[in-house]
Amino acid sequence: MRINVKSVQLENGFTRLANEILENTAKAKLTATQYEIIQIIWRYTYGFNRKEHNLSLSFIANAIGRDGRQIQRALKDLERRKIIIQVIGHNKRLISFNKDWTSWTKGVGETTNGNSTNWLNYQEGIGETTKGTIGRTANQERKKENIKEIAIDLSSYSASTKKPYEDYFVKVWEAYHNKKGKNKVTSKQKLMLYNEVPEEQMLKAIEKYKKETKGTEYRYIMHGSTWFNGGYEDYIESVKAPPGPKKEPVYKDYNVKMAELEAAELEKMKNKPKIKIKPYEEKLKELEEAELRRLKHDYDQGT
């Protein structure tokens, strides 16, 4: 299909994107799949002037022509590197792009100066010996050493990567005034809070409880573990759910609509009680008898 180039104009739709994001995304050492996914995220968030959007795996897979498993792996890595934020719930996957590029973490095999690291060194080291000749023993030793370095590098990389809900919990925990029992708040509970209680809403609830307990003895204030494991619920302001999408009217075909109206009218007539009409001769006989009774009555009265 040939596209009319003249129709490709900003007036027909465009996506606002800061140059700083483009420049730093280009330096992020992304895979082809990851870069394609980010473009789809931009298109359906910034392209509609919104910060996040519900994007399923199948939708992204169809949009860029990739396998769903590839999409899932790429999203997981982008989230680990803090380039995107995912909030996965029941039948939804809200995805947003993290424009704070300074918080992005490095990818595997990437250093601060942009040069490749252990993966390339591992390949270059194979086959080298101290005298420059091919030696199987030396080659194997170098291979083991490089694999060990890669394992250490990967373990430190994963350990330094925080999940989004951890940053959320650090902020709300710092705002709470009785910091006892932090270890009693499980990761599962932190994730639930992150998904169901917005940060702003939680901070308002904490401020409300602080005002309520002002002047109260410290021992009578809920421990942090009690608060974040359910105590906050009595202080959370109910959030009005956003209105659902407006349903567009469904217009039926004219002939179909007329057939439905005719069928409804016939059914109505069918159920309507019937009026019993007497035969002409029977009605005439009743009138004659009534007239004779009237004449007889007049005669009896002497009129």
Protein backbone atom coordinates (compact mmCIF):
# COMPACT_ATOMS: atom_id res chain seq x y z
CA MET A 1 0.00 0.00 0.00
CA ARG A 2 1.44 3.33 -1.06
CA ILE A 3 1.13 6.12 1.51
CA ASN A 4 0.24 9.64 0.46
CA VAL A 5 3.25 11.56 1.80
CA LYS A 6 1.33 14.84 1.70
CA SER A 7 -1.04 13.50 4.38
CA VAL A 8 1.84 12.95 6.84
CA GLN A 9 1.55 16.27 8.63
CA LEU A 10 1.61 17.44 12.26
CA GLU A 11 -1.99 18.58 11.86
CA ASN A 12 -3.00 14.92 11.58
CA GLY A 13 -1.46 14.03 14.96
CA PHE A 14 1.93 14.14 16.68
CA THR A 15 3.66 13.07 19.90
CA ARG A 16 5.34 15.72 22.08
CA LEU A 17 8.65 14.43 23.37
CA ALA A 18 11.52 16.31 25.01
CA ASN A 19 14.82 16.23 23.09
CA GLU A 20 16.60 15.26 26.30
CA ILE A 21 14.57 12.02 26.42
CA LEU A 22 15.43 11.17 22.81
CA GLU A 23 19.13 11.84 23.35
CA ASN A 24 19.42 9.76 26.53
CA THR A 25 17.26 6.92 25.20
CA ALA A 26 19.69 6.62 22.29
CA LYS A 27 22.56 6.23 24.80
CA ALA A 28 20.74 3.64 26.94
CA LYS A 29 22.09 0.61 25.00
CA LEU A 30 18.63 -0.90 24.47
CA THR A 31 17.84 -4.00 22.45
CA ALA A 32 15.78 -3.63 19.29
CA THR A 33 12.68 -5.05 21.02
CA GLN A 34 13.05 -2.71 23.99
CA TYR A 35 13.39 0.35 21.77
CA GLU A 36 10.30 -0.68 19.77
CA ILE A 37 8.32 -1.13 23.00
CA ILE A 38 9.35 2.31 24.27
CA GLN A 39 8.14 3.90 21.03
CA ILE A 40 4.74 2.24 21.49
CA ILE A 41 4.63 3.47 25.11
CA TRP A 42 5.42 7.03 23.94
CA ARG A 43 2.76 6.79 21.23
CA TYR A 44 -0.05 5.73 23.59
CA THR A 45 0.94 7.92 26.55
CA TYR A 46 2.55 11.17 25.42
CA GLY A 47 0.75 10.82 22.07
CA PHE A 48 -2.55 11.25 23.95
CA ASN A 49 -1.24 13.75 26.54
CA ARG A 50 -1.30 11.21 29.37
CA LYS A 51 1.38 9.78 31.66
CA GLU A 52 0.32 6.12 31.71
CA HIS A 53 -1.85 3.71 29.78
CA ASN A 54 -3.15 0.14 30.03
CA LEU A 55 -1.05 -1.80 27.48
CA SER A 56 -1.45 -5.58 27.39
CA LEU A 57 1.27 -7.96 26.18
CA SER A 58 -0.85 -8.99 23.19
CA PHE A 59 -1.46 -5.35 22.21
CA ILE A 60 2.27 -4.51 22.24
CA ALA A 61 3.11 -7.79 20.45
CA ASN A 62 0.66 -6.97 17.64
CA ALA A 63 1.87 -3.36 17.47
CA ILE A 64 5.53 -4.26 16.85
CA GLY A 65 5.17 -7.77 15.42
CA ARG A 66 7.05 -9.61 18.18
CA ASP A 67 6.38 -12.73 20.22
CA GLY A 68 4.60 -12.21 23.57
CA ARG A 69 7.42 -13.89 25.50
CA GLN A 70 9.93 -11.48 23.99
CA ILE A 71 7.72 -8.58 25.06
CA GLN A 72 7.44 -9.88 28.63
CA ARG A 73 11.23 -10.32 28.98
CA ALA A 74 11.95 -6.90 27.49
CA LEU A 75 9.39 -5.17 29.76
CA LYS A 76 10.84 -6.88 32.81
CA ASP A 77 14.34 -5.68 31.96
CA LEU A 78 13.15 -2.12 31.22
CA GLU A 79 11.38 -2.06 34.58
CA ARG A 80 14.49 -3.41 36.35
CA ARG A 81 16.53 -0.63 34.80
CA LYS A 82 13.87 1.93 35.92
CA ILE A 83 13.27 3.10 32.36
CA ILE A 84 9.58 2.22 32.63
CA ILE A 85 7.17 1.67 35.52
CA GLN A 86 4.63 -1.15 35.46
CA VAL A 87 1.61 -1.55 37.73
CA ILE A 88 0.14 -4.99 37.11
CA GLY A 89 -3.27 -5.79 38.54
CA HIS A 90 -6.41 -7.73 37.64
CA ASN A 91 -6.74 -7.66 33.84
CA LYS A 92 -4.60 -4.55 33.55
CA ARG A 93 -1.00 -3.55 32.95
CA LEU A 94 -0.52 0.19 33.48
CA ILE A 95 2.77 1.28 31.92
CA SER A 96 4.45 4.68 32.14
CA PHE A 97 7.80 5.99 30.92
CA ASN A 98 10.26 7.27 33.54
CA LYS A 99 11.53 10.54 32.07
CA ASP A 100 14.02 10.98 34.93
CA TRP A 101 16.86 9.45 32.91
CA THR A 102 19.36 10.10 35.72
CA SER A 103 17.68 7.30 37.73
CA TRP A 104 18.07 4.72 34.96
CA THR A 105 20.52 1.92 35.71
CA LYS A 106 23.08 0.48 33.32
CA GLY A 107 22.40 -2.57 31.20
CA VAL A 108 24.41 -5.80 31.28
CA GLY A 109 27.77 -5.32 29.58
CA GLU A 110 27.61 -1.51 29.74
CA THR A 111 29.94 0.86 31.62
CA THR A 112 29.82 4.55 32.39
CA ASN A 113 31.92 5.46 29.36
CA GLY A 114 29.68 3.48 27.02
CA ASN A 115 32.22 0.78 26.15
CA SER A 116 31.30 -2.90 26.39
CA THR A 117 32.71 -4.77 29.38
CA ASN A 118 32.82 -8.37 30.49
CA TRP A 119 31.00 -9.90 27.53
CA LEU A 120 33.51 -8.53 25.02
CA ASN A 121 36.47 -9.24 27.29
CA TYR A 122 35.27 -12.80 27.64
CA GLN A 123 35.29 -13.29 23.85
CA GLU A 124 38.66 -11.59 23.35
CA GLY A 125 40.28 -13.62 26.14
CA ILE A 126 39.48 -16.99 24.58
CA GLY A 127 42.51 -18.54 22.86
CA GLU A 128 45.09 -16.12 24.31
CA THR A 129 48.17 -17.36 26.19
CA THR A 130 51.02 -15.52 27.86
CA LYS A 131 53.32 -16.25 24.89
CA GLY A 132 50.71 -15.49 22.20
CA THR A 133 50.33 -19.15 21.16
CA ILE A 134 47.16 -21.25 21.29
CA GLY A 135 47.17 -23.29 24.49
CA ARG A 136 44.17 -25.26 25.69
CA THR A 137 44.97 -25.06 29.42
CA ALA A 138 45.57 -21.32 29.47
CA ASN A 139 42.47 -20.81 27.35
CA GLN A 140 40.29 -22.75 29.80
CA GLU A 141 41.68 -20.88 32.81
CA ARG A 142 40.95 -17.51 31.19
CA LYS A 143 37.46 -18.70 30.30
CA LYS A 144 36.72 -19.70 33.93
CA GLU A 145 38.03 -16.39 35.28
CA ASN A 146 35.94 -14.33 32.86
CA ILE A 147 32.78 -16.33 33.58
CA LYS A 148 33.36 -15.77 37.31
CA GLU A 149 33.73 -12.01 36.71
CA ILE A 150 30.50 -11.95 34.72
CA ALA A 151 28.63 -13.76 37.52
CA ILE A 152 29.91 -11.26 40.10
CA ASP A 153 28.99 -8.33 37.88
CA LEU A 154 25.46 -9.64 37.31
CA SER A 155 24.84 -10.34 41.00
CA SER A 156 25.90 -6.84 42.02
CA TYR A 157 23.77 -5.39 39.22
CA SER A 158 20.59 -7.19 40.32
CA ALA A 159 21.22 -6.40 43.99
CA SER A 160 21.49 -2.68 43.30
CA THR A 161 18.22 -2.57 41.36
CA LYS A 162 15.25 -1.56 43.48
CA LYS A 163 11.64 -2.38 42.74
CA PRO A 164 9.29 0.63 42.31
CA TYR A 165 7.28 -0.20 45.44
CA GLU A 166 10.44 -0.02 47.59
CA ASP A 167 10.97 3.67 46.74
CA TYR A 168 7.28 4.26 47.50
CA PHE A 169 7.54 2.55 50.89
CA VAL A 170 10.71 4.46 51.87
CA LYS A 171 8.88 7.79 51.36
CA VAL A 172 5.72 6.88 53.26
CA TRP A 173 7.66 5.18 56.07
CA GLU A 174 9.79 8.30 56.58
CA ALA A 175 6.60 10.38 56.89
CA TYR A 176 5.17 8.17 59.66
CA HIS A 177 5.98 9.18 63.25
CA ASN A 178 6.24 5.87 65.15
CA LYS A 179 8.91 3.94 63.30
CA LYS A 180 8.59 0.54 64.96
CA GLY A 181 8.22 -2.86 63.29
CA LYS A 182 9.49 -1.98 59.82
CA ASN A 183 10.61 -5.57 59.22
CA LYS A 184 7.06 -6.78 59.90
CA VAL A 185 5.79 -5.14 56.70
CA THR A 186 6.25 -7.82 54.03
CA SER A 187 7.16 -7.24 50.39
CA LYS A 188 3.70 -8.50 49.44
CA GLN A 189 2.07 -5.85 51.64
CA LYS A 190 4.36 -3.12 50.25
CA LEU A 191 3.38 -4.10 46.71
CA MET A 192 -0.32 -4.05 47.64
CA LEU A 193 0.04 -0.56 49.12
CA TYR A 194 1.94 0.64 46.04
CA ASN A 195 -0.80 -0.67 43.71
CA GLU A 196 -3.88 0.34 45.73
CA VAL A 197 -2.99 3.42 47.83
CA PRO A 198 -1.45 6.36 45.91
CA GLU A 199 1.50 8.02 47.64
CA GLU A 200 -0.31 11.37 48.00
CA GLN A 201 -3.32 9.67 49.56
CA MET A 202 -1.16 7.74 52.06
CA LEU A 203 0.73 10.90 53.08
CA LYS A 204 -2.58 12.74 53.70
CA ALA A 205 -3.77 9.85 55.88
CA ILE A 206 -0.53 9.99 57.90
CA GLU A 207 -0.90 13.75 58.43
CA LYS A 208 -4.49 13.24 59.52
CA TYR A 209 -3.41 10.62 62.10
CA LYS A 210 -0.56 12.85 63.31
CA LYS A 211 -3.02 15.66 64.04
CA GLU A 212 -5.36 13.25 65.81
CA THR A 213 -2.57 11.88 68.05
CA LYS A 214 -0.94 15.21 68.77
CA GLY A 215 -0.12 15.31 72.48
CA THR A 216 -0.78 11.56 72.87
CA GLU A 217 1.79 9.45 74.70
CA TYR A 218 4.15 7.74 72.26
CA ARG A 219 3.25 4.26 73.47
CA TYR A 220 -0.41 4.78 72.50
CA ILE A 221 0.45 5.65 68.88
CA MET A 222 0.22 2.76 66.40
CA HIS A 223 3.53 1.17 65.50
CA GLY A 224 4.56 1.62 61.90
CA SER A 225 3.98 -2.09 61.27
CA THR A 226 0.40 -1.80 62.60
CA TRP A 227 -0.31 1.28 60.52
CA PHE A 228 0.98 -0.09 57.19
CA ASN A 229 -0.58 -3.53 57.76
CA GLY A 230 -4.09 -2.10 57.84
CA GLY A 231 -4.28 0.65 60.46
CA TYR A 232 -4.26 3.33 57.78
CA GLU A 233 -7.61 2.18 56.34
CA ASP A 234 -9.70 4.24 58.81
CA TYR A 235 -7.89 7.42 57.76
CA ILE A 236 -7.90 7.03 53.98
CA GLU A 237 -10.25 9.37 52.18
CA SER A 238 -12.47 7.56 49.73
CA VAL A 239 -11.44 8.21 46.17
CA LYS A 240 -14.22 8.75 43.67
CA ALA A 241 -13.84 6.27 40.85
CA PRO A 242 -13.40 7.89 37.44
CA PRO A 243 -16.48 7.70 35.21
CA GLY A 244 -16.51 4.80 32.81
CA PRO A 245 -16.11 5.28 29.07
CA LYS A 246 -19.11 6.83 27.37
CA LYS A 247 -21.01 4.25 25.37
CA GLU A 248 -21.62 5.21 21.79
CA PRO A 249 -25.21 4.68 20.53
CA VAL A 250 -25.68 1.62 18.35
CA TYR A 251 -27.59 2.34 15.14
CA LYS A 252 -29.40 -0.60 13.59
CA ASP A 253 -30.22 -1.12 9.95
CA TYR A 254 -33.53 0.55 8.98
CA ASN A 255 -35.17 -2.67 7.75
CA VAL A 256 -34.09 -4.55 10.89
CA LYS A 257 -35.50 -1.81 13.13
CA MET A 258 -38.82 -1.71 11.22
CA ALA A 259 -39.15 -5.50 11.43
CA GLU A 260 -38.62 -5.31 15.21
CA LEU A 261 -41.29 -2.59 15.59
CA GLU A 262 -43.81 -4.56 13.49
CA ALA A 263 -43.19 -7.73 15.51
CA ALA A 264 -43.67 -5.80 18.77
CA GLU A 265 -46.94 -4.25 17.48
CA LEU A 266 -48.30 -7.65 16.38
CA GLU A 267 -47.46 -9.13 19.77
CA LYS A 268 -49.25 -6.23 21.45
CA MET A 269 -52.37 -6.73 19.30
CA LYS A 270 -52.26 -10.47 19.92
CA ASN A 271 -52.34 -9.98 23.68
CA LYS A 272 -55.05 -7.28 23.58
CA PRO A 273 -58.42 -8.54 25.00
CA LYS A 274 -61.00 -9.15 22.25
CA ILE A 275 -64.39 -7.30 22.18
CA LYS A 276 -67.32 -9.68 21.81
CA ILE A 277 -69.70 -8.43 19.08
CA LYS A 278 -73.21 -9.89 19.03
CA PRO A 279 -74.83 -10.96 15.73
CA TYR A 280 -77.27 -8.45 14.11
CA GLU A 281 -80.40 -10.60 14.56
CA GLU A 282 -79.69 -11.14 18.24
CA LYS A 283 -79.10 -7.43 18.83
CA LEU A 284 -82.30 -6.49 16.94
CA LYS A 285 -84.33 -8.95 19.00
CA GLU A 286 -83.01 -7.40 22.24
CA LEU A 287 -84.03 -3.92 21.03
CA GLU A 288 -87.54 -5.10 20.11
CA GLU A 289 -88.03 -6.75 23.48
CA ALA A 290 -86.85 -3.59 25.26
CA GLU A 291 -89.33 -1.50 23.22
CA LEU A 292 -92.22 -3.86 24.05
CA ARG A 293 -91.37 -3.65 27.76
CA ARG A 294 -91.41 0.14 27.56
CA LEU A 295 -94.82 0.19 25.79
CA LYS A 296 -96.27 -2.24 28.32
CA HIS A 297 -94.97 -0.07 31.16
CA ASP A 298 -96.57 3.06 29.66
CA TYR A 299 -99.85 1.25 29.20
CA ASP A 300 -99.89 0.04 32.80
CA GLN A 301 -99.27 3.55 33.98
CA GLY A 302 -102.24 4.77 31.91
CA THR A 303 -100.28 7.13 29.77
